[in-house]
N, C-alpha and C. Protein backbone atom coordinates (compact mmCIF):
# COMPACT_ATOMS: atom_id res chain seq x y z
N MET A 1 -12.62 4.30 -21.78
CA MET A 1 -12.84 3.30 -20.75
C MET A 1 -11.85 3.54 -19.62
N PRO A 2 -12.33 3.75 -18.39
CA PRO A 2 -11.41 4.01 -17.27
C PRO A 2 -10.66 2.76 -16.86
N ARG A 3 -9.43 2.96 -16.41
CA ARG A 3 -8.61 1.84 -15.94
C ARG A 3 -9.00 1.51 -14.52
N ARG A 4 -9.15 0.26 -14.22
CA ARG A 4 -9.51 -0.18 -12.88
C ARG A 4 -8.37 -1.02 -12.32
N GLY A 5 -8.27 -1.04 -11.02
CA GLY A 5 -7.29 -1.89 -10.38
C GLY A 5 -5.89 -1.28 -10.34
N LEU A 6 -5.80 0.05 -10.29
CA LEU A 6 -4.50 0.68 -10.25
C LEU A 6 -3.76 0.33 -8.96
N THR A 7 -4.50 0.16 -7.86
CA THR A 7 -3.88 -0.23 -6.61
C THR A 7 -3.24 -1.60 -6.72
N GLY A 8 -3.91 -2.52 -7.36
CA GLY A 8 -3.36 -3.86 -7.56
C GLY A 8 -2.10 -3.84 -8.40
N GLU A 9 -2.10 -3.02 -9.43
CA GLU A 9 -0.91 -2.91 -10.27
C GLU A 9 0.26 -2.33 -9.49
N ARG A 10 -0.02 -1.36 -8.65
CA ARG A 10 1.04 -0.76 -7.83
C ARG A 10 1.58 -1.77 -6.82
N LEU A 11 0.72 -2.59 -6.25
CA LEU A 11 1.18 -3.60 -5.30
C LEU A 11 2.02 -4.67 -5.98
N VAL A 12 1.68 -5.02 -7.21
CA VAL A 12 2.51 -5.98 -7.96
C VAL A 12 3.88 -5.36 -8.23
N GLY A 13 3.91 -4.10 -8.60
CA GLY A 13 5.18 -3.41 -8.81
C GLY A 13 6.00 -3.34 -7.54
N LEU A 14 5.34 -3.10 -6.42
CA LEU A 14 6.05 -3.06 -5.13
C LEU A 14 6.60 -4.44 -4.78
N PHE A 15 5.86 -5.49 -5.08
CA PHE A 15 6.34 -6.85 -4.85
C PHE A 15 7.60 -7.11 -5.65
N LEU A 16 7.59 -6.72 -6.92
CA LEU A 16 8.77 -6.92 -7.76
C LEU A 16 9.96 -6.09 -7.26
N PHE A 17 9.68 -4.87 -6.78
CA PHE A 17 10.73 -4.04 -6.20
C PHE A 17 11.29 -4.70 -4.94
N GLY A 18 10.42 -5.32 -4.13
CA GLY A 18 10.87 -6.04 -2.95
C GLY A 18 11.73 -7.24 -3.30
N LEU A 19 11.36 -7.94 -4.37
CA LEU A 19 12.20 -9.05 -4.83
C LEU A 19 13.59 -8.57 -5.22
N LEU A 20 13.63 -7.41 -5.87
CA LEU A 20 14.92 -6.86 -6.25
C LEU A 20 15.74 -6.47 -5.02
N LEU A 21 15.10 -5.79 -4.07
CA LEU A 21 15.81 -5.36 -2.86
C LEU A 21 16.34 -6.53 -2.05
N LEU A 22 15.61 -7.63 -2.03
CA LEU A 22 15.98 -8.76 -1.19
C LEU A 22 16.59 -9.91 -1.98
N SER A 23 17.04 -9.62 -3.20
CA SER A 23 17.69 -10.66 -3.99
C SER A 23 19.10 -10.93 -3.44
N PRO A 24 19.55 -12.17 -3.52
CA PRO A 24 20.86 -12.52 -2.96
C PRO A 24 22.04 -11.70 -3.48
N PRO A 25 22.12 -11.35 -4.77
CA PRO A 25 23.27 -10.54 -5.19
C PRO A 25 23.32 -9.17 -4.51
N LEU A 26 22.17 -8.54 -4.34
CA LEU A 26 22.16 -7.23 -3.70
C LEU A 26 22.41 -7.34 -2.21
N ILE A 27 21.87 -8.36 -1.58
CA ILE A 27 22.14 -8.56 -0.15
C ILE A 27 23.62 -8.87 0.05
N GLY A 28 24.20 -9.63 -0.85
CA GLY A 28 25.62 -9.96 -0.75
C GLY A 28 26.53 -8.75 -0.83
N ALA A 29 26.08 -7.71 -1.51
CA ALA A 29 26.87 -6.48 -1.60
C ALA A 29 27.00 -5.80 -0.24
N PHE A 30 26.03 -6.02 0.64
CA PHE A 30 26.04 -5.40 1.96
C PHE A 30 26.59 -6.32 3.05
N ASP A 31 26.98 -7.51 2.67
CA ASP A 31 27.50 -8.48 3.64
C ASP A 31 28.99 -8.24 3.85
N THR A 32 29.29 -7.20 4.61
CA THR A 32 30.68 -6.85 4.92
C THR A 32 30.87 -6.85 6.43
N ALA A 33 32.10 -6.76 6.85
CA ALA A 33 32.42 -6.78 8.28
C ALA A 33 32.36 -5.38 8.89
N SER A 34 31.99 -4.36 8.12
CA SER A 34 31.98 -3.00 8.65
C SER A 34 30.70 -2.74 9.47
N LEU A 35 30.79 -1.74 10.33
CA LEU A 35 29.68 -1.35 11.21
C LEU A 35 29.31 0.10 10.95
N VAL A 36 28.02 0.40 11.13
CA VAL A 36 27.53 1.78 11.08
C VAL A 36 26.90 2.05 12.44
N ARG A 37 27.57 2.86 13.24
CA ARG A 37 27.13 3.16 14.61
C ARG A 37 26.91 1.90 15.43
N GLY A 38 27.77 0.93 15.23
CA GLY A 38 27.71 -0.31 16.00
C GLY A 38 26.78 -1.36 15.44
N ILE A 39 26.14 -1.09 14.31
CA ILE A 39 25.19 -2.03 13.70
C ILE A 39 25.84 -2.57 12.42
N PRO A 40 25.85 -3.88 12.24
CA PRO A 40 26.38 -4.43 10.98
C PRO A 40 25.61 -3.89 9.78
N VAL A 41 26.33 -3.62 8.70
CA VAL A 41 25.74 -3.02 7.50
C VAL A 41 24.63 -3.89 6.93
N LEU A 42 24.81 -5.20 6.95
CA LEU A 42 23.79 -6.10 6.42
C LEU A 42 22.48 -5.99 7.20
N TYR A 43 22.57 -5.96 8.52
CA TYR A 43 21.36 -5.83 9.34
C TYR A 43 20.69 -4.49 9.10
N LEU A 44 21.49 -3.44 8.98
CA LEU A 44 20.93 -2.12 8.73
C LEU A 44 20.23 -2.08 7.38
N TYR A 45 20.85 -2.66 6.36
CA TYR A 45 20.24 -2.69 5.03
C TYR A 45 18.92 -3.46 5.04
N LEU A 46 18.92 -4.63 5.67
CA LEU A 46 17.69 -5.43 5.70
C LEU A 46 16.58 -4.70 6.43
N PHE A 47 16.89 -4.05 7.54
CA PHE A 47 15.86 -3.33 8.28
C PHE A 47 15.33 -2.14 7.48
N VAL A 48 16.22 -1.38 6.85
CA VAL A 48 15.78 -0.22 6.07
C VAL A 48 14.96 -0.66 4.85
N ALA A 49 15.37 -1.72 4.17
CA ALA A 49 14.61 -2.23 3.02
C ALA A 49 13.23 -2.71 3.46
N TRP A 50 13.18 -3.41 4.59
CA TRP A 50 11.90 -3.91 5.11
C TRP A 50 10.99 -2.75 5.48
N ALA A 51 11.53 -1.74 6.18
CA ALA A 51 10.73 -0.57 6.57
C ALA A 51 10.26 0.22 5.34
N LEU A 52 11.12 0.32 4.33
CA LEU A 52 10.74 1.02 3.11
C LEU A 52 9.59 0.31 2.40
N LEU A 53 9.66 -1.01 2.32
CA LEU A 53 8.58 -1.77 1.67
C LEU A 53 7.26 -1.62 2.43
N ILE A 54 7.31 -1.65 3.75
CA ILE A 54 6.09 -1.49 4.54
C ILE A 54 5.53 -0.08 4.37
N GLY A 55 6.39 0.92 4.40
CA GLY A 55 5.93 2.30 4.22
C GLY A 55 5.30 2.53 2.86
N LEU A 56 5.94 2.02 1.82
CA LEU A 56 5.38 2.17 0.48
C LEU A 56 4.06 1.42 0.33
N MET A 57 3.97 0.26 0.96
CA MET A 57 2.73 -0.49 0.90
C MET A 57 1.60 0.27 1.59
N ALA A 58 1.90 0.89 2.72
CA ALA A 58 0.89 1.69 3.42
C ALA A 58 0.43 2.86 2.56
N LEU A 59 1.35 3.52 1.89
CA LEU A 59 0.98 4.63 1.01
C LEU A 59 0.09 4.16 -0.14
N ILE A 60 0.43 3.04 -0.73
CA ILE A 60 -0.35 2.53 -1.86
C ILE A 60 -1.74 2.12 -1.43
N VAL A 61 -1.84 1.42 -0.31
CA VAL A 61 -3.13 0.90 0.13
C VAL A 61 -4.03 2.03 0.66
N GLU A 62 -3.47 2.99 1.34
CA GLU A 62 -4.28 4.05 1.94
C GLU A 62 -4.69 5.13 0.95
N ARG A 63 -3.93 5.29 -0.14
CA ARG A 63 -4.29 6.32 -1.12
C ARG A 63 -5.40 5.78 -2.01
N PRO A 64 -6.50 6.52 -2.15
CA PRO A 64 -7.59 6.02 -2.99
C PRO A 64 -7.24 6.11 -4.47
N ASP A 65 -7.82 5.20 -5.25
CA ASP A 65 -7.65 5.22 -6.70
C ASP A 65 -8.33 6.46 -7.26
N PRO A 66 -7.72 7.14 -8.22
CA PRO A 66 -8.39 8.28 -8.83
C PRO A 66 -9.68 7.86 -9.54
N ASP A 67 -9.71 6.67 -10.12
CA ASP A 67 -10.92 6.19 -10.80
C ASP A 67 -12.04 5.96 -9.80
N GLU A 68 -11.72 5.42 -8.63
CA GLU A 68 -12.75 5.16 -7.63
C GLU A 68 -13.28 6.45 -7.03
N GLU A 69 -12.43 7.48 -6.89
CA GLU A 69 -12.87 8.76 -6.35
C GLU A 69 -13.90 9.40 -7.25
N THR A 70 -13.69 9.40 -8.56
CA THR A 70 -14.63 10.03 -9.47
C THR A 70 -15.94 9.25 -9.50
N ALA A 71 -15.89 7.95 -9.36
CA ALA A 71 -17.12 7.16 -9.35
C ALA A 71 -17.92 7.44 -8.09
N GLU A 72 -17.25 7.60 -6.94
CA GLU A 72 -17.96 7.88 -5.70
C GLU A 72 -18.51 9.30 -5.69
N ASP A 73 -17.77 10.26 -6.25
CA ASP A 73 -18.23 11.64 -6.24
C ASP A 73 -19.43 11.84 -7.14
N GLY A 74 -19.54 11.09 -8.20
CA GLY A 74 -20.63 11.26 -9.14
C GLY A 74 -21.93 10.63 -8.70
N SER A 75 -21.91 9.81 -7.66
CA SER A 75 -23.12 9.11 -7.26
C SER A 75 -24.09 10.02 -6.52
N GLY A 76 -23.58 11.03 -5.81
CA GLY A 76 -24.45 11.94 -5.09
C GLY A 76 -24.92 11.38 -3.77
N ALA A 77 -24.53 10.19 -3.40
CA ALA A 77 -24.95 9.60 -2.14
C ALA A 77 -24.04 10.09 -1.02
N ASP A 78 -24.65 10.38 0.13
CA ASP A 78 -23.90 10.82 1.30
C ASP A 78 -23.64 9.61 2.16
N THR A 79 -22.40 9.15 2.20
CA THR A 79 -22.09 7.92 2.93
C THR A 79 -21.65 8.19 4.35
N ASP A 80 -21.49 9.48 4.74
CA ASP A 80 -21.05 9.80 6.09
C ASP A 80 -22.16 9.65 7.12
N HIS A 81 -23.40 9.81 6.71
CA HIS A 81 -24.51 9.78 7.64
C HIS A 81 -25.48 8.66 7.26
N PRO A 82 -26.00 7.96 8.26
CA PRO A 82 -26.98 6.91 7.94
C PRO A 82 -28.28 7.55 7.47
N PRO A 83 -29.06 6.82 6.70
CA PRO A 83 -30.33 7.38 6.22
C PRO A 83 -31.28 7.62 7.39
N THR A 84 -32.00 8.70 7.31
CA THR A 84 -32.97 9.04 8.36
C THR A 84 -34.37 8.80 7.84
N GLY A 85 -35.31 8.75 8.76
CA GLY A 85 -36.70 8.57 8.36
C GLY A 85 -37.04 7.13 8.03
N ASP A 86 -36.32 6.17 8.57
CA ASP A 86 -36.63 4.78 8.33
C ASP A 86 -37.97 4.46 8.98
N ARG A 87 -38.83 3.86 8.21
CA ARG A 87 -40.14 3.49 8.73
C ARG A 87 -40.23 1.99 8.80
N GLU A 88 -41.06 1.56 9.70
CA GLU A 88 -41.33 0.12 9.78
C GLU A 88 -42.23 -0.25 8.63
N PRO A 89 -42.12 -1.46 8.13
CA PRO A 89 -43.01 -1.87 7.04
C PRO A 89 -44.46 -1.91 7.53
N GLU A 90 -45.37 -1.56 6.63
CA GLU A 90 -46.78 -1.55 6.98
C GLU A 90 -47.28 -2.98 7.12
N ARG A 91 -48.10 -3.17 8.13
CA ARG A 91 -48.67 -4.50 8.37
C ARG A 91 -50.06 -4.55 7.79
N CYS A 92 -50.39 -5.65 7.17
CA CYS A 92 -51.71 -5.79 6.56
C CYS A 92 -52.68 -6.42 7.49
């Protein structure tokens, strides 16, 4: 039986990873008075963590599920082109 919903499972994992990144104990570790190229370390950490979460989310959402790919490939339907030869229904 093929597994379905792998994208959903990955998004839940990413959510939990985001909770870890943005948890108060970890944020508190970066709350110092030091600067990196004129930017406070806390602001830099929050921006990098936010950008990382968005980037990972884009990768997860845009990458197709392996299970869905095999199901689409096996159908034999060509989804790139609309069907041709459409006829009007016959009138009685």
